[in-house]
């Protein structure tokens, strides 16, 4: 069974995806500007860890609104 994007529900490209730092969901993330694939998230600087983290569009929207916490970490095991 192939993984699907936690944002759009479409199957993930085997090479161009990432996992959200906040919710643990997998999402489309192109690793090259020449790749024709969806982009269902982005990266941001995380102040508490002083590092770069990848964030799905759903959690990014909650963070940008400033009124809600991002999704809780996904503790279910599954690939």
C-alpha atoms as a PDB file:
ATOM      1  CA  UNK A   1       0.000   0.000   0.000  1.00  0.00           C
ATOM      2  CA  UNK A   2       1.493   3.337  -1.006  1.00  0.00           C
ATOM      3  CA  UNK A   3       1.463   6.386   1.238  1.00  0.00           C
ATOM      4  CA  UNK A   4      -0.858   9.281   0.526  1.00  0.00           C
ATOM      5  CA  UNK A   5      -0.388  12.959   1.246  1.00  0.00           C
ATOM      6  CA  UNK A   6      -1.962  14.062   4.551  1.00  0.00           C
ATOM      7  CA  UNK A   7      -2.902  17.394   2.928  1.00  0.00           C
ATOM      8  CA  UNK A   8      -4.346  16.567  -0.506  1.00  0.00           C
ATOM      9  CA  UNK A   9      -4.935  12.813  -0.269  1.00  0.00           C
ATOM     10  CA  UNK A  10      -3.034  12.036  -3.482  1.00  0.00           C
ATOM     11  CA  UNK A  11      -0.326   9.314  -3.612  1.00  0.00           C
ATOM     12  CA  UNK A  12       3.144  10.522  -2.647  1.00  0.00           C
ATOM     13  CA  UNK A  13       6.065  10.572  -5.044  1.00  0.00           C
ATOM     14  CA  UNK A  14       8.617   8.064  -3.701  1.00  0.00           C
ATOM     15  CA  UNK A  15      11.407  10.678  -3.780  1.00  0.00           C
ATOM     16  CA  UNK A  16       9.716  14.045  -3.256  1.00  0.00           C
ATOM     17  CA  UNK A  17       7.956  14.101   0.116  1.00  0.00           C
ATOM     18  CA  UNK A  18       8.579  15.114   3.703  1.00  0.00           C
ATOM     19  CA  UNK A  19       7.099  14.540   7.142  1.00  0.00           C
ATOM     20  CA  UNK A  20       5.513  17.382   9.115  1.00  0.00           C
ATOM     21  CA  UNK A  21       7.398  18.346  12.270  1.00  0.00           C
ATOM     22  CA  UNK A  22       4.143  19.063  14.113  1.00  0.00           C
ATOM     23  CA  UNK A  23       1.609  16.394  13.104  1.00  0.00           C
ATOM     24  CA  UNK A  24       3.878  13.726  11.630  1.00  0.00           C
ATOM     25  CA  UNK A  25       1.846  13.557   8.425  1.00  0.00           C
ATOM     26  CA  UNK A  26       3.607  12.944   5.107  1.00  0.00           C
ATOM     27  CA  UNK A  27       3.133  15.527   2.369  1.00  0.00           C
ATOM     28  CA  UNK A  28       4.337  16.412  -1.149  1.00  0.00           C
ATOM     29  CA  UNK A  29       7.626  18.327  -1.021  1.00  0.00           C
ATOM     30  CA  UNK A  30       9.682  18.800  -4.203  1.00  0.00           C
ATOM     31  CA  UNK A  31      13.420  18.549  -3.544  1.00  0.00           C
ATOM     32  CA  UNK A  32      14.350  20.261  -6.807  1.00  0.00           C
ATOM     33  CA  UNK A  33      12.960  23.248  -8.701  1.00  0.00           C
ATOM     34  CA  UNK A  34      12.901  21.114 -11.864  1.00  0.00           C
ATOM     35  CA  UNK A  35      10.478  18.535 -10.444  1.00  0.00           C
ATOM     36  CA  UNK A  36       6.839  18.685 -11.546  1.00  0.00           C
ATOM     37  CA  UNK A  37       5.046  17.695  -8.349  1.00  0.00           C
ATOM     38  CA  UNK A  38       2.652  19.253  -5.864  1.00  0.00           C
ATOM     39  CA  UNK A  39       3.933  21.248  -2.924  1.00  0.00           C
ATOM     40  CA  UNK A  40       1.685  20.634   0.078  1.00  0.00           C
ATOM     41  CA  UNK A  41       3.903  22.256   2.692  1.00  0.00           C
ATOM     42  CA  UNK A  42       7.082  24.189   3.239  1.00  0.00           C
ATOM     43  CA  UNK A  43       9.906  24.699   5.689  1.00  0.00           C
ATOM     44  CA  UNK A  44      10.346  27.167   8.510  1.00  0.00           C
ATOM     45  CA  UNK A  45      12.797  28.090  11.218  1.00  0.00           C
ATOM     46  CA  UNK A  46      11.739  26.611  14.536  1.00  0.00           C
ATOM     47  CA  UNK A  47      12.798  28.870  17.398  1.00  0.00           C
ATOM     48  CA  UNK A  48      12.696  26.261  20.167  1.00  0.00           C
ATOM     49  CA  UNK A  49      14.935  23.797  18.329  1.00  0.00           C
ATOM     50  CA  UNK A  50      17.003  26.469  16.546  1.00  0.00           C
ATOM     51  CA  UNK A  51      16.669  24.510  13.357  1.00  0.00           C
ATOM     52  CA  UNK A  52      14.909  24.122  10.048  1.00  0.00           C
ATOM     53  CA  UNK A  53      11.716  22.029  10.133  1.00  0.00           C
ATOM     54  CA  UNK A  54       9.246  20.904   7.482  1.00  0.00           C
ATOM     55  CA  UNK A  55       5.576  21.758   7.974  1.00  0.00           C
ATOM     56  CA  UNK A  56       2.469  20.590   6.097  1.00  0.00           C
ATOM     57  CA  UNK A  57       0.090  23.251   4.748  1.00  0.00           C
ATOM     58  CA  UNK A  58      -2.551  22.370   7.349  1.00  0.00           C
ATOM     59  CA  UNK A  59      -0.260  23.032  10.327  1.00  0.00           C
ATOM     60  CA  UNK A  60       1.282  26.036   8.573  1.00  0.00           C
ATOM     61  CA  UNK A  61      -2.183  27.627   8.245  1.00  0.00           C
ATOM     62  CA  UNK A  62      -2.894  27.090  11.946  1.00  0.00           C
ATOM     63  CA  UNK A  63       0.452  28.627  12.892  1.00  0.00           C
ATOM     64  CA  UNK A  64      -0.064  31.604  10.572  1.00  0.00           C
ATOM     65  CA  UNK A  65      -3.511  32.306  12.015  1.00  0.00           C
ATOM     66  CA  UNK A  66      -1.985  32.432  15.489  1.00  0.00           C
ATOM     67  CA  UNK A  67      -5.294  31.370  17.007  1.00  0.00           C
ATOM     68  CA  UNK A  68      -4.774  27.620  17.135  1.00  0.00           C
ATOM     69  CA  UNK A  69      -2.035  25.124  17.813  1.00  0.00           C
ATOM     70  CA  UNK A  70      -0.742  22.974  14.973  1.00  0.00           C
ATOM     71  CA  UNK A  71      -1.983  19.410  14.700  1.00  0.00           C
ATOM     72  CA  UNK A  72      -0.842  17.107  17.461  1.00  0.00           C
ATOM     73  CA  UNK A  73       1.979  14.657  16.654  1.00  0.00           C
ATOM     74  CA  UNK A  74       0.793  11.525  14.942  1.00  0.00           C
ATOM     75  CA  UNK A  75       1.724   8.576  17.151  1.00  0.00           C
ATOM     76  CA  UNK A  76       0.173   5.871  14.969  1.00  0.00           C
ATOM     77  CA  UNK A  77       2.642   3.573  13.319  1.00  0.00           C
ATOM     78  CA  UNK A  78       2.260   3.127   9.607  1.00  0.00           C
ATOM     79  CA  UNK A  79       4.192   3.518   6.429  1.00  0.00           C
END
